[in-house]
Structure formats: C-alpha cells, structure tokens
Amino acid sequence: VYADWLQEAGRPERAEFVRTQVQLAHLDEADPRYPGLLAWSRRTGVLTDPGLRLDHERVRGGRVMFRRGFVAGLEVRPTALLATPPERVEPLPLEQVRLLRPDGDPGQEGRALAGRRDLLTKLHTLALGYGWDTAGLEPLLTDCPYLAGLSALAVARSFPGSGHATLAHCIS
C-alpha cells in the first residue's frame, strides 16, 4: 500500500525500493533471485535520498539498515552511538543494532551502553562485531535490565588466543 502511494506521489524509485525490500523479506537467501534483488536495492538512489538522511544523521557515523523498505536498524561504532544524546535516538524506529568494533575500552563502552534504556528497550536484534571482550560483553549481556525484548543476539566469533572472548566464555 505504501509503495502504491509513493508511486502515485511521484516517487517511483522509492516505491520500487519498498517493493523489492518486501520481496527480499519473503525470499530465502539461497533463492537464486535473492542476490540480484539485493544488489538492485543497494544500487538505487534511495539509500542516499535526502528524505532518509534525517533518520540516520541522528547518529553520526551510523549506517541505516532497512526492513521491507523502512528504516529498521543501525550499524554504528559504539563511541558514535554513545556520543548521541538519548533524545536523538529515542524517535528512531530501531529494531536492530549492529555495534562495530569498540574504539576505546570495551569494558567502559559496554557499561555505558548497558545504561542506554532509550536504545536497548526497543531492540529485537543485537549484533556485536569483532573486538568485544569479556569486559565489554559482561555488563551489556548479563547486567543490563533493558534487553528483555531481545529475540536475537549475534556475537562475532573470535579465535582461541586472540584475546577476545567468545559468547560462551562471557556467560559461563
């Protein structure tokens, strides 16, 4: 319905982006049509549409993630997210956040993130990139009361001897 409205409102590229995103949501990633549709959606000008910039510029350095044509998530370094005041994050429709490698002390960043109710209570999916160690994961995953709505957690795998904790080490 939204895609039809966009089409009638003279925004055919955005309408096609929404339709493609809906198709992608219904396809398995192993479907032969999936790579082509995904590539097309990434090549459209929709990702640089000035109308969307307000959503991701609220968090400087963040990259928008879409679900069915709408902003649903953010990929960002923890320092950039922590530098963003709660009143700028709260209005964002964030279902998922992918936190990239910590820039500073993972323990300090993990503790600071664990206190961000404005961000964490909305999340369904949290993905943590490489570079998070036990000191950073523990306050975020074991001591944080705001992750009750979380239905998926992804933690980048690390290799033995790399100095980075695996999820099993963190929660054991």
Protein backbone atom coordinates (compact mmCIF):
# COMPACT_ATOMS: atom_id res chain seq x y z
CA VAL A 1 0.00 0.00 0.00
CA TYR A 2 2.81 2.40 0.89
CA ALA A 3 4.60 1.56 -2.38
CA ASP A 4 1.42 2.32 -4.33
CA TRP A 5 1.08 5.64 -2.52
CA LEU A 6 4.72 6.50 -3.29
CA GLN A 7 4.14 5.65 -6.95
CA GLU A 8 1.09 7.93 -7.10
CA ALA A 9 3.02 10.66 -5.27
CA GLY A 10 5.66 10.75 -8.00
CA ARG A 11 8.37 8.76 -6.20
CA PRO A 12 8.64 5.64 -8.39
CA GLU A 13 12.23 4.81 -7.34
CA ARG A 14 11.29 4.76 -3.67
CA ALA A 15 8.16 2.72 -4.48
CA GLU A 16 10.24 0.15 -6.34
CA PHE A 17 12.71 0.02 -3.45
CA VAL A 18 9.89 -0.76 -0.99
CA ARG A 19 8.50 -3.46 -3.31
CA THR A 20 11.95 -5.01 -3.70
CA GLN A 21 12.53 -4.97 0.06
CA VAL A 22 9.18 -6.75 0.59
CA GLN A 23 10.19 -9.37 -2.00
CA LEU A 24 13.53 -9.87 -0.24
CA ALA A 25 11.74 -10.36 3.10
CA HIS A 26 9.75 -13.23 1.59
CA LEU A 27 12.70 -14.95 -0.10
CA ASP A 28 15.24 -17.32 1.38
CA GLU A 29 18.80 -16.10 0.91
CA ALA A 30 19.50 -19.30 -1.07
CA ASP A 31 16.85 -18.36 -3.65
CA PRO A 32 18.58 -17.57 -6.97
CA ARG A 33 16.62 -14.29 -7.25
CA TYR A 34 17.88 -13.01 -3.87
CA PRO A 35 21.39 -11.75 -4.84
CA GLY A 36 20.10 -9.79 -7.83
CA LEU A 37 17.28 -8.15 -5.88
CA LEU A 38 19.61 -7.29 -3.01
CA ALA A 39 22.18 -5.80 -5.38
CA TRP A 40 19.49 -3.76 -7.13
CA SER A 41 18.16 -2.38 -3.84
CA ARG A 42 21.66 -1.31 -2.81
CA ARG A 43 22.36 0.41 -6.13
CA THR A 44 19.26 2.60 -6.07
CA GLY A 45 19.45 6.22 -5.14
CA VAL A 46 17.04 5.52 -2.31
CA LEU A 47 19.92 4.89 0.07
CA THR A 48 21.14 8.44 -0.47
CA ASP A 49 17.69 10.03 -0.63
CA PRO A 50 17.78 13.30 1.35
CA GLY A 51 14.44 12.34 2.90
CA LEU A 52 16.11 9.44 4.69
CA ARG A 53 19.14 11.34 5.91
CA LEU A 54 17.32 12.74 8.91
CA ASP A 55 16.84 9.22 10.21
CA HIS A 56 20.48 8.18 10.16
CA GLU A 57 22.14 11.53 10.71
CA ARG A 58 20.70 11.49 14.20
CA VAL A 59 23.61 9.15 14.94
CA ARG A 60 26.73 10.45 13.19
CA GLY A 61 28.69 7.71 11.50
CA GLY A 62 25.76 5.30 11.56
CA ARG A 63 24.63 3.32 8.54
CA VAL A 64 20.93 2.64 8.08
CA MET A 65 19.59 -0.91 7.74
CA PHE A 66 16.23 -1.42 6.06
CA ARG A 67 13.44 -3.95 6.55
CA ARG A 68 10.66 -4.03 3.99
CA GLY A 69 11.63 -0.60 2.75
CA PHE A 70 11.62 1.14 6.11
CA VAL A 71 14.46 2.08 8.43
CA ALA A 72 14.71 -0.72 10.98
CA GLY A 73 18.26 -0.69 12.22
CA LEU A 74 21.58 0.96 12.51
CA GLU A 75 25.16 -0.18 12.11
CA VAL A 76 27.49 2.00 14.13
CA ARG A 77 30.60 2.18 16.27
CA PRO A 78 29.75 2.24 19.99
CA THR A 79 31.52 5.57 20.56
CA ALA A 80 29.35 7.27 17.94
CA LEU A 81 26.21 5.82 19.49
CA LEU A 82 27.27 6.79 22.99
CA ALA A 83 28.04 10.33 21.83
CA THR A 84 24.45 10.68 20.60
CA PRO A 85 22.06 12.11 23.19
CA PRO A 86 19.09 9.86 24.11
CA GLU A 87 16.57 12.37 22.74
CA ARG A 88 18.08 11.93 19.26
CA VAL A 89 17.99 8.12 19.44
CA GLU A 90 14.58 7.62 21.03
CA PRO A 91 12.47 8.62 17.97
CA LEU A 92 14.34 6.23 15.66
CA PRO A 93 12.42 3.06 14.71
CA LEU A 94 15.29 0.76 15.65
CA GLU A 95 14.56 -2.95 15.83
CA GLN A 96 18.16 -3.96 15.34
CA VAL A 97 21.58 -2.52 16.04
CA ARG A 98 24.91 -3.83 14.84
CA LEU A 99 27.70 -2.49 17.06
CA LEU A 100 31.03 -2.46 15.29
CA ARG A 101 34.44 -2.84 16.93
CA PRO A 102 34.84 -0.69 20.05
CA ASP A 103 37.09 2.32 19.55
CA GLY A 104 38.21 2.55 23.16
CA ASP A 105 37.94 0.40 26.25
CA PRO A 106 35.34 -2.34 25.52
CA GLY A 107 34.53 -2.62 29.24
CA GLN A 108 33.80 1.07 29.59
CA GLU A 109 31.80 1.14 26.34
CA GLY A 110 29.84 -1.98 27.35
CA ARG A 111 28.95 -0.48 30.75
CA ALA A 112 27.90 2.80 29.13
CA LEU A 113 25.76 1.01 26.54
CA ALA A 114 24.12 -1.12 29.25
CA GLY A 115 22.67 2.10 30.69
CA ARG A 116 21.12 3.26 27.41
CA ARG A 117 17.45 2.46 28.05
CA ASP A 118 16.42 4.75 25.16
CA LEU A 119 18.14 2.41 22.73
CA LEU A 120 18.06 -1.07 24.20
CA THR A 121 14.40 -1.43 25.19
CA LYS A 122 13.31 -1.25 21.52
CA LEU A 123 15.74 -3.82 20.17
CA HIS A 124 14.78 -7.22 18.85
CA THR A 125 18.24 -7.98 17.43
CA LEU A 126 21.65 -7.01 18.74
CA ALA A 127 24.80 -7.88 16.81
CA LEU A 128 28.26 -7.30 18.26
CA GLY A 129 31.21 -7.12 15.88
CA TYR A 130 34.79 -8.22 16.44
CA GLY A 131 36.77 -6.60 19.22
CA TRP A 132 34.36 -7.05 22.11
CA ASP A 133 36.00 -8.83 25.02
CA THR A 134 34.58 -10.22 28.25
CA ALA A 135 34.91 -6.85 29.97
CA GLY A 136 32.69 -5.27 27.33
CA LEU A 137 30.19 -8.08 26.89
CA GLU A 138 29.52 -8.87 30.53
CA PRO A 139 27.88 -5.59 31.62
CA LEU A 140 25.91 -5.45 28.40
CA LEU A 141 24.68 -9.05 28.29
CA THR A 142 24.46 -10.12 31.92
CA ASP A 143 23.86 -6.97 33.96
CA CYS A 144 21.60 -4.97 31.62
CA PRO A 145 17.88 -4.87 32.51
CA TYR A 146 16.86 -3.30 29.19
CA LEU A 147 17.34 -6.25 26.84
CA ALA A 148 14.20 -8.17 27.83
CA GLY A 149 12.70 -7.76 24.33
CA LEU A 150 15.77 -9.16 22.61
CA SER A 151 14.94 -12.16 20.42
CA ALA A 152 18.27 -12.50 18.59
CA LEU A 153 21.87 -11.97 19.61
CA ALA A 154 24.85 -12.30 17.30
CA VAL A 155 28.41 -12.09 18.55
CA ALA A 156 31.32 -12.20 16.12
CA ARG A 157 33.33 -15.33 16.54
CA SER A 158 36.84 -14.96 17.78
CA PHE A 159 39.71 -17.37 17.63
CA PRO A 160 41.48 -19.02 20.57
CA GLY A 161 44.40 -16.92 21.72
CA SER A 162 43.09 -13.78 20.02
CA GLY A 163 42.40 -12.09 23.34
CA HIS A 164 38.71 -11.74 22.53
CA ALA A 165 36.09 -13.67 24.45
CA THR A 166 33.57 -15.92 22.83
CA LEU A 167 29.98 -15.68 24.00
CA ALA A 168 30.37 -18.98 25.83
CA HIS A 169 33.22 -17.54 27.94
CA CYS A 170 31.20 -14.44 28.72
CA ILE A 171 28.06 -16.13 30.02
CA SER A 172 29.64 -19.17 31.68
